[in-house]
Every structure is written in C-alpha cells, then in structure tokens.
Amino acid sequence: MATIGSASLSVPAHIHAGLVKPLAELRAFWRKFIAMAFNPYRPEQHYMRGPGPAWRAKQARRD
C-alpha cells in the first residue's frame, strides 16, 4: 500500500506575517488612488464667483 503525503506550498507563518501589512497598505493606497483618479465629480470645474469689479465698473458707466 502506498502512503500519500501532502506538500504545503503556502508561505511560512513568520514570512507571511511580515508581508501582510505592507501588502494591505499597498492595496489600500491603490484603491484610494483609483477612486480619486476616476471620480467624475470635480467641484473646481463648477465653481463660479460671479461678476468682478471690472464688470461692475463697466455696468456703472452704462447707466
């Protein structure tokens, strides 16, 4: 009768523990980057200050 053994290809615990945090931070960075880069809302494109002093001076001369 033959014995079947199993070989583990996973990363050892001491190495895995050292990789989790940097990979999680990298993943969080990319998620935030993608969310910000492809967000269609740009408030600075919709900002209008209204007429300035030059416009008011020009309109005052008309009257």
C-alpha atoms as a PDB file:
ATOM      1  CA  MET A   1       0.000   0.000   0.000  1.00  0.00           C
ATOM      2  CA  ALA A   2       1.243   3.497  -0.889  1.00  0.00           C
ATOM      3  CA  THR A   3       1.263   6.422   1.509  1.00  0.00           C
ATOM      4  CA  ILE A   4       0.140   9.772   0.196  1.00  0.00           C
ATOM      5  CA  GLY A   5       1.854  12.779   1.714  1.00  0.00           C
ATOM      6  CA  SER A   6       0.909  16.366   1.279  1.00  0.00           C
ATOM      7  CA  ALA A   7       3.293  19.149   0.464  1.00  0.00           C
ATOM      8  CA  SER A   8       2.381  22.639   1.535  1.00  0.00           C
ATOM      9  CA  LEU A   9       3.163  25.379  -0.947  1.00  0.00           C
ATOM     10  CA  SER A  10       1.903  28.181   1.273  1.00  0.00           C
ATOM     11  CA  VAL A  11       4.162  30.847   2.732  1.00  0.00           C
ATOM     12  CA  PRO A  12       5.526  30.066   6.219  1.00  0.00           C
ATOM     13  CA  ALA A  13       3.815  31.946   9.067  1.00  0.00           C
ATOM     14  CA  HIS A  14       6.813  34.085  10.031  1.00  0.00           C
ATOM     15  CA  ILE A  15       7.284  35.272   6.447  1.00  0.00           C
ATOM     16  CA  HIS A  16       3.555  35.688   5.840  1.00  0.00           C
ATOM     17  CA  ALA A  17       3.121  37.882   8.927  1.00  0.00           C
ATOM     18  CA  GLY A  18       5.795  40.260   7.643  1.00  0.00           C
ATOM     19  CA  LEU A  19       4.138  40.600   4.218  1.00  0.00           C
ATOM     20  CA  VAL A  20       0.547  41.185   5.283  1.00  0.00           C
ATOM     21  CA  LYS A  21       0.845  44.777   6.466  1.00  0.00           C
ATOM     22  CA  PRO A  22       2.870  46.167   3.520  1.00  0.00           C
ATOM     23  CA  LEU A  23       0.578  44.430   1.026  1.00  0.00           C
ATOM     24  CA  ALA A  24      -2.516  45.708   2.808  1.00  0.00           C
ATOM     25  CA  GLU A  25      -1.099  49.243   2.807  1.00  0.00           C
ATOM     26  CA  LEU A  26      -0.231  48.980  -0.882  1.00  0.00           C
ATOM     27  CA  ARG A  27      -3.696  47.647  -1.702  1.00  0.00           C
ATOM     28  CA  ALA A  28      -5.335  50.466   0.300  1.00  0.00           C
ATOM     29  CA  PHE A  29      -3.184  53.054  -1.480  1.00  0.00           C
ATOM     30  CA  TRP A  30      -4.152  51.766  -4.934  1.00  0.00           C
ATOM     31  CA  ARG A  31      -7.845  51.585  -4.019  1.00  0.00           C
ATOM     32  CA  LYS A  32      -7.794  55.192  -2.839  1.00  0.00           C
ATOM     33  CA  PHE A  33      -5.757  56.287  -5.872  1.00  0.00           C
ATOM     34  CA  ILE A  34      -8.136  54.638  -8.352  1.00  0.00           C
ATOM     35  CA  ALA A  35     -11.193  56.021  -6.551  1.00  0.00           C
ATOM     36  CA  MET A  36      -9.797  59.558  -6.626  1.00  0.00           C
ATOM     37  CA  ALA A  37      -8.386  59.364 -10.163  1.00  0.00           C
ATOM     38  CA  PHE A  38     -11.607  58.175 -11.762  1.00  0.00           C
ATOM     39  CA  ASN A  39     -14.099  60.157  -9.669  1.00  0.00           C
ATOM     40  CA  PRO A  40     -16.110  62.183 -12.209  1.00  0.00           C
ATOM     41  CA  TYR A  41     -17.020  64.982  -9.773  1.00  0.00           C
ATOM     42  CA  ARG A  42     -14.653  67.946  -9.965  1.00  0.00           C
ATOM     43  CA  PRO A  43     -16.030  70.824  -7.856  1.00  0.00           C
ATOM     44  CA  GLU A  44     -13.450  73.304  -9.161  1.00  0.00           C
ATOM     45  CA  GLN A  45     -14.981  72.970 -12.636  1.00  0.00           C
ATOM     46  CA  HIS A  46     -18.366  74.108 -11.326  1.00  0.00           C
ATOM     47  CA  TYR A  47     -17.199  76.953  -9.151  1.00  0.00           C
ATOM     48  CA  MET A  48     -18.404  80.377 -10.272  1.00  0.00           C
ATOM     49  CA  ARG A  49     -17.518  83.519  -8.371  1.00  0.00           C
ATOM     50  CA  GLY A  50     -19.805  85.911 -10.181  1.00  0.00           C
ATOM     51  CA  PRO A  51     -19.044  89.280 -11.720  1.00  0.00           C
ATOM     52  CA  GLY A  52     -15.943  91.095 -10.552  1.00  0.00           C
ATOM     53  CA  PRO A  53     -15.021  94.742 -10.074  1.00  0.00           C
ATOM     54  CA  ALA A  54     -14.217  95.331 -13.760  1.00  0.00           C
ATOM     55  CA  TRP A  55     -17.690  94.166 -14.790  1.00  0.00           C
ATOM     56  CA  ARG A  56     -19.314  96.357 -12.135  1.00  0.00           C
ATOM     57  CA  ALA A  57     -17.314  99.402 -13.272  1.00  0.00           C
ATOM     58  CA  LYS A  58     -18.312  98.803 -16.894  1.00  0.00           C
ATOM     59  CA  GLN A  59     -22.004  98.388 -15.971  1.00  0.00           C
ATOM     60  CA  ALA A  60     -21.930 101.547 -13.802  1.00  0.00           C
ATOM     61  CA  ARG A  61     -20.726 103.621 -16.809  1.00  0.00           C
ATOM     62  CA  ARG A  62     -23.663 102.388 -18.907  1.00  0.00           C
ATOM     63  CA  ASP A  63     -26.283 103.902 -16.604  1.00  0.00           C
END
